[in-house]
Amino acid sequence: MMEMKFAATDGPARVTFEPGGIAFELAADEFITLQLDPTLAPSLEINIWPNGISVWLPYPGESDFIVLDSSGREVARLW
């Protein structure tokens, strides 16, 4: 599994996983980690805007994407 870290470095931020619309609100310096099959990484689309990140996941239904909090605990399983 590959891990991608998404962090709120300059203040609060919202990380949304699409197309499902699952969102996480992060405080300053907080982060979440997305675990995924490394072969799917080139298919991710990541958009960044002030106070937010949207992550478009590929291949709905074909793979699990696991979201971990900053303590390493699973907080969501997408698909």
C-alpha atoms as a PDB file:
ATOM      1  CA  MET A   1       0.000   0.000   0.000  1.00  0.00           C
ATOM      2  CA  MET A   2       1.045   3.549  -0.721  1.00  0.00           C
ATOM      3  CA  GLU A   3       0.288   6.431   1.645  1.00  0.00           C
ATOM      4  CA  MET A   4      -0.453  10.041   0.672  1.00  0.00           C
ATOM      5  CA  LYS A   5      -0.555  12.673   3.399  1.00  0.00           C
ATOM      6  CA  PHE A   6      -2.879  15.707   3.168  1.00  0.00           C
ATOM      7  CA  ALA A   7      -2.153  18.468   5.678  1.00  0.00           C
ATOM      8  CA  ALA A   8      -3.549  21.811   6.762  1.00  0.00           C
ATOM      9  CA  THR A   9      -0.312  23.752   7.048  1.00  0.00           C
ATOM     10  CA  ASP A  10      -1.399  27.395   7.045  1.00  0.00           C
ATOM     11  CA  GLY A  11      -4.660  27.119   8.960  1.00  0.00           C
ATOM     12  CA  PRO A  12      -7.890  25.122   8.894  1.00  0.00           C
ATOM     13  CA  ALA A  13      -8.616  23.219   5.685  1.00  0.00           C
ATOM     14  CA  ARG A  14     -11.215  20.874   4.251  1.00  0.00           C
ATOM     15  CA  VAL A  15     -10.176  17.689   2.426  1.00  0.00           C
ATOM     16  CA  THR A  16     -12.921  16.205   0.242  1.00  0.00           C
ATOM     17  CA  PHE A  17     -12.774  12.835  -1.477  1.00  0.00           C
ATOM     18  CA  GLU A  18     -14.803  12.761  -4.680  1.00  0.00           C
ATOM     19  CA  PRO A  19     -16.991  11.622  -6.292  1.00  0.00           C
ATOM     20  CA  GLY A  20     -18.465  10.459  -2.967  1.00  0.00           C
ATOM     21  CA  GLY A  21     -18.208  13.845  -1.259  1.00  0.00           C
ATOM     22  CA  ILE A  22     -16.685  12.468   1.947  1.00  0.00           C
ATOM     23  CA  ALA A  23     -15.090  15.462   3.686  1.00  0.00           C
ATOM     24  CA  PHE A  24     -12.787  15.997   6.635  1.00  0.00           C
ATOM     25  CA  GLU A  25     -12.212  19.314   8.402  1.00  0.00           C
ATOM     26  CA  LEU A  26      -8.613  19.702   9.536  1.00  0.00           C
ATOM     27  CA  ALA A  27      -7.269  22.144  12.092  1.00  0.00           C
ATOM     28  CA  ALA A  28      -3.992  23.947  11.484  1.00  0.00           C
ATOM     29  CA  ASP A  29      -1.078  21.469  11.361  1.00  0.00           C
ATOM     30  CA  GLU A  30      -3.453  18.475  11.408  1.00  0.00           C
ATOM     31  CA  PHE A  31      -3.296  15.854   8.655  1.00  0.00           C
ATOM     32  CA  ILE A  32      -4.976  12.758   7.284  1.00  0.00           C
ATOM     33  CA  THR A  33      -3.420   9.942   5.278  1.00  0.00           C
ATOM     34  CA  LEU A  34      -4.892   8.157   2.282  1.00  0.00           C
ATOM     35  CA  GLN A  35      -3.794   4.551   1.779  1.00  0.00           C
ATOM     36  CA  LEU A  36      -4.158   3.175  -1.728  1.00  0.00           C
ATOM     37  CA  ASP A  37      -2.797   0.675  -4.191  1.00  0.00           C
ATOM     38  CA  PRO A  38       0.264   2.377  -5.752  1.00  0.00           C
ATOM     39  CA  THR A  39      -0.847   1.400  -9.264  1.00  0.00           C
ATOM     40  CA  LEU A  40      -3.854   3.727  -8.837  1.00  0.00           C
ATOM     41  CA  ALA A  41      -1.799   6.788  -7.819  1.00  0.00           C
ATOM     42  CA  PRO A  42      -1.302   8.092 -11.389  1.00  0.00           C
ATOM     43  CA  SER A  43      -5.094   8.194 -11.779  1.00  0.00           C
ATOM     44  CA  LEU A  44      -5.718  10.480  -8.795  1.00  0.00           C
ATOM     45  CA  GLU A  45      -6.686  14.066  -9.489  1.00  0.00           C
ATOM     46  CA  ILE A  46      -5.847  16.523  -6.723  1.00  0.00           C
ATOM     47  CA  ASN A  47      -7.184  20.074  -6.762  1.00  0.00           C
ATOM     48  CA  ILE A  48      -6.056  22.695  -4.264  1.00  0.00           C
ATOM     49  CA  TRP A  49      -7.755  25.982  -3.448  1.00  0.00           C
ATOM     50  CA  PRO A  50      -7.554  28.343  -0.466  1.00  0.00           C
ATOM     51  CA  ASN A  51      -8.523  26.337   2.633  1.00  0.00           C
ATOM     52  CA  GLY A  52      -9.288  23.148   0.753  1.00  0.00           C
ATOM     53  CA  ILE A  53      -8.202  20.114  -1.214  1.00  0.00           C
ATOM     54  CA  SER A  54     -10.340  17.840  -3.359  1.00  0.00           C
ATOM     55  CA  VAL A  55      -9.080  14.387  -4.220  1.00  0.00           C
ATOM     56  CA  TRP A  56     -10.812  12.639  -7.118  1.00  0.00           C
ATOM     57  CA  LEU A  57     -10.456   8.890  -6.709  1.00  0.00           C
ATOM     58  CA  PRO A  58     -10.278   6.543  -9.706  1.00  0.00           C
ATOM     59  CA  TYR A  59     -12.196   3.368 -10.436  1.00  0.00           C
ATOM     60  CA  PRO A  60     -15.169   3.400  -8.046  1.00  0.00           C
ATOM     61  CA  GLY A  61     -15.884  -0.060  -6.727  1.00  0.00           C
ATOM     62  CA  GLU A  62     -12.627  -1.637  -7.887  1.00  0.00           C
ATOM     63  CA  SER A  63     -10.408  -0.885  -4.903  1.00  0.00           C
ATOM     64  CA  ASP A  64     -10.515   0.249  -1.298  1.00  0.00           C
ATOM     65  CA  PHE A  65      -9.109   3.598  -0.280  1.00  0.00           C
ATOM     66  CA  ILE A  66      -8.467   3.901   3.443  1.00  0.00           C
ATOM     67  CA  VAL A  67      -8.342   7.227   5.287  1.00  0.00           C
ATOM     68  CA  LEU A  68      -6.327   7.390   8.523  1.00  0.00           C
ATOM     69  CA  ASP A  69      -6.286  10.179  11.066  1.00  0.00           C
ATOM     70  CA  SER A  70      -3.047  11.703  12.351  1.00  0.00           C
ATOM     71  CA  SER A  71      -2.811   8.939  14.980  1.00  0.00           C
ATOM     72  CA  GLY A  72      -2.927   6.224  12.313  1.00  0.00           C
ATOM     73  CA  ARG A  73      -6.483   5.103  13.124  1.00  0.00           C
ATOM     74  CA  GLU A  74      -8.811   4.237  10.257  1.00  0.00           C
ATOM     75  CA  VAL A  75     -11.567   6.856  10.004  1.00  0.00           C
ATOM     76  CA  ALA A  76     -13.074   5.909   6.638  1.00  0.00           C
ATOM     77  CA  ARG A  77     -12.974   3.272   3.949  1.00  0.00           C
ATOM     78  CA  LEU A  78     -13.980   4.615   0.565  1.00  0.00           C
ATOM     79  CA  TRP A  79     -15.653   2.277  -1.993  1.00  0.00           C
END
